[in-house]
Amino acid sequence: METLTSLLGAINGVVWGPVMLILLLGVGIYLQLGLKLMPIRKLGMGFKLMWQGEKPSLGWAKRPLLKREMKGKYLPSTL
């Protein structure tokens, strides 16, 4: 049992050490380049939208009905 614990401890030290750091940085750089640096370019707009807050909306129930939605419900079917 102690050999298994020491083996797993050695593997844990390698995996969560420099190897994981290199993999995380590599994947991050790969995604940034694949997205053409979009997360960095849109960072300012993201913070602006976050700090702006949510504007009150009319909600789904208060929007006007479309002509095709009213057909057969509220008006004669001659529309």
Protein backbone atom coordinates (compact mmCIF):
# COMPACT_ATOMS: atom_id res chain seq x y z
CA MET A 1 0.00 0.00 0.00
CA GLU A 2 2.86 2.37 0.77
CA THR A 3 4.43 1.69 -2.61
CA LEU A 4 1.18 2.64 -4.32
CA THR A 5 0.97 5.83 -2.27
CA SER A 6 4.56 6.77 -3.10
CA LEU A 7 4.02 5.97 -6.79
CA LEU A 8 0.88 8.11 -6.93
CA GLY A 9 2.69 10.88 -5.06
CA ALA A 10 5.50 10.85 -7.64
CA ILE A 11 3.02 10.92 -10.54
CA ASN A 12 1.09 13.70 -8.81
CA GLY A 13 4.25 15.78 -8.44
CA VAL A 14 5.06 15.46 -12.15
CA VAL A 15 1.55 15.98 -13.50
CA TRP A 16 0.61 18.97 -11.34
CA GLY A 17 4.03 20.56 -11.66
CA PRO A 18 5.69 22.08 -14.70
CA VAL A 19 3.95 19.72 -17.14
CA MET A 20 0.50 21.02 -16.21
CA LEU A 21 1.71 24.62 -16.35
CA ILE A 22 3.12 24.12 -19.85
CA LEU A 23 -0.06 22.38 -21.02
CA LEU A 24 -2.32 25.12 -19.64
CA LEU A 25 -0.24 27.89 -21.18
CA GLY A 26 -0.04 26.03 -24.49
CA VAL A 27 -3.78 25.49 -24.69
CA GLY A 28 -4.43 29.12 -23.73
CA ILE A 29 -2.09 30.44 -26.42
CA TYR A 30 -3.54 28.02 -28.98
CA LEU A 31 -7.10 29.16 -28.26
CA GLN A 32 -6.13 32.85 -28.31
CA LEU A 33 -4.51 32.47 -31.71
CA GLY A 34 -7.35 30.30 -33.02
CA LEU A 35 -9.88 32.94 -32.00
CA LYS A 36 -7.67 35.69 -33.49
CA LEU A 37 -7.17 37.30 -30.07
CA MET A 38 -10.90 38.00 -29.78
CA PRO A 39 -11.04 37.52 -25.97
CA ILE A 40 -8.35 40.17 -25.52
CA ARG A 41 -9.84 42.54 -28.11
CA LYS A 42 -13.33 42.35 -26.58
CA LEU A 43 -12.22 42.59 -22.95
CA GLY A 44 -13.06 46.30 -22.68
CA MET A 45 -16.54 45.80 -24.09
CA GLY A 46 -17.11 42.89 -21.72
CA PHE A 47 -16.26 44.99 -18.67
CA LYS A 48 -18.38 47.85 -20.00
CA LEU A 49 -21.40 45.56 -20.38
CA MET A 50 -20.76 44.02 -16.97
CA TRP A 51 -20.62 47.36 -15.14
CA GLN A 52 -23.46 48.91 -17.14
CA GLY A 53 -26.02 46.70 -15.47
CA GLU A 54 -29.18 45.22 -16.86
CA LYS A 55 -31.64 47.54 -18.52
CA PRO A 56 -35.29 46.88 -17.75
CA SER A 57 -37.09 45.20 -20.61
CA LEU A 58 -40.73 45.10 -21.54
CA GLY A 59 -40.83 41.38 -21.10
CA TRP A 60 -42.37 38.71 -23.26
CA ALA A 61 -45.97 39.36 -22.19
CA LYS A 62 -45.95 43.05 -23.10
CA ARG A 63 -44.72 42.75 -26.66
CA PRO A 64 -47.28 43.40 -29.39
CA LEU A 65 -48.75 40.36 -31.08
CA LEU A 66 -47.79 39.75 -34.67
CA LYS A 67 -50.44 39.47 -37.34
CA ARG A 68 -49.80 35.75 -37.82
CA GLU A 69 -50.14 35.17 -34.06
CA MET A 70 -53.51 36.92 -33.94
CA LYS A 71 -54.93 34.87 -36.81
CA GLY A 72 -57.73 32.70 -35.51
CA LYS A 73 -57.36 33.89 -31.93
CA TYR A 74 -58.52 37.46 -31.68
CA LEU A 75 -59.57 38.38 -35.19
CA PRO A 76 -61.60 36.63 -37.85
CA SER A 77 -59.59 34.22 -39.96
CA THR A 78 -59.82 36.53 -42.98
CA LEU A 79 -56.37 37.99 -42.30
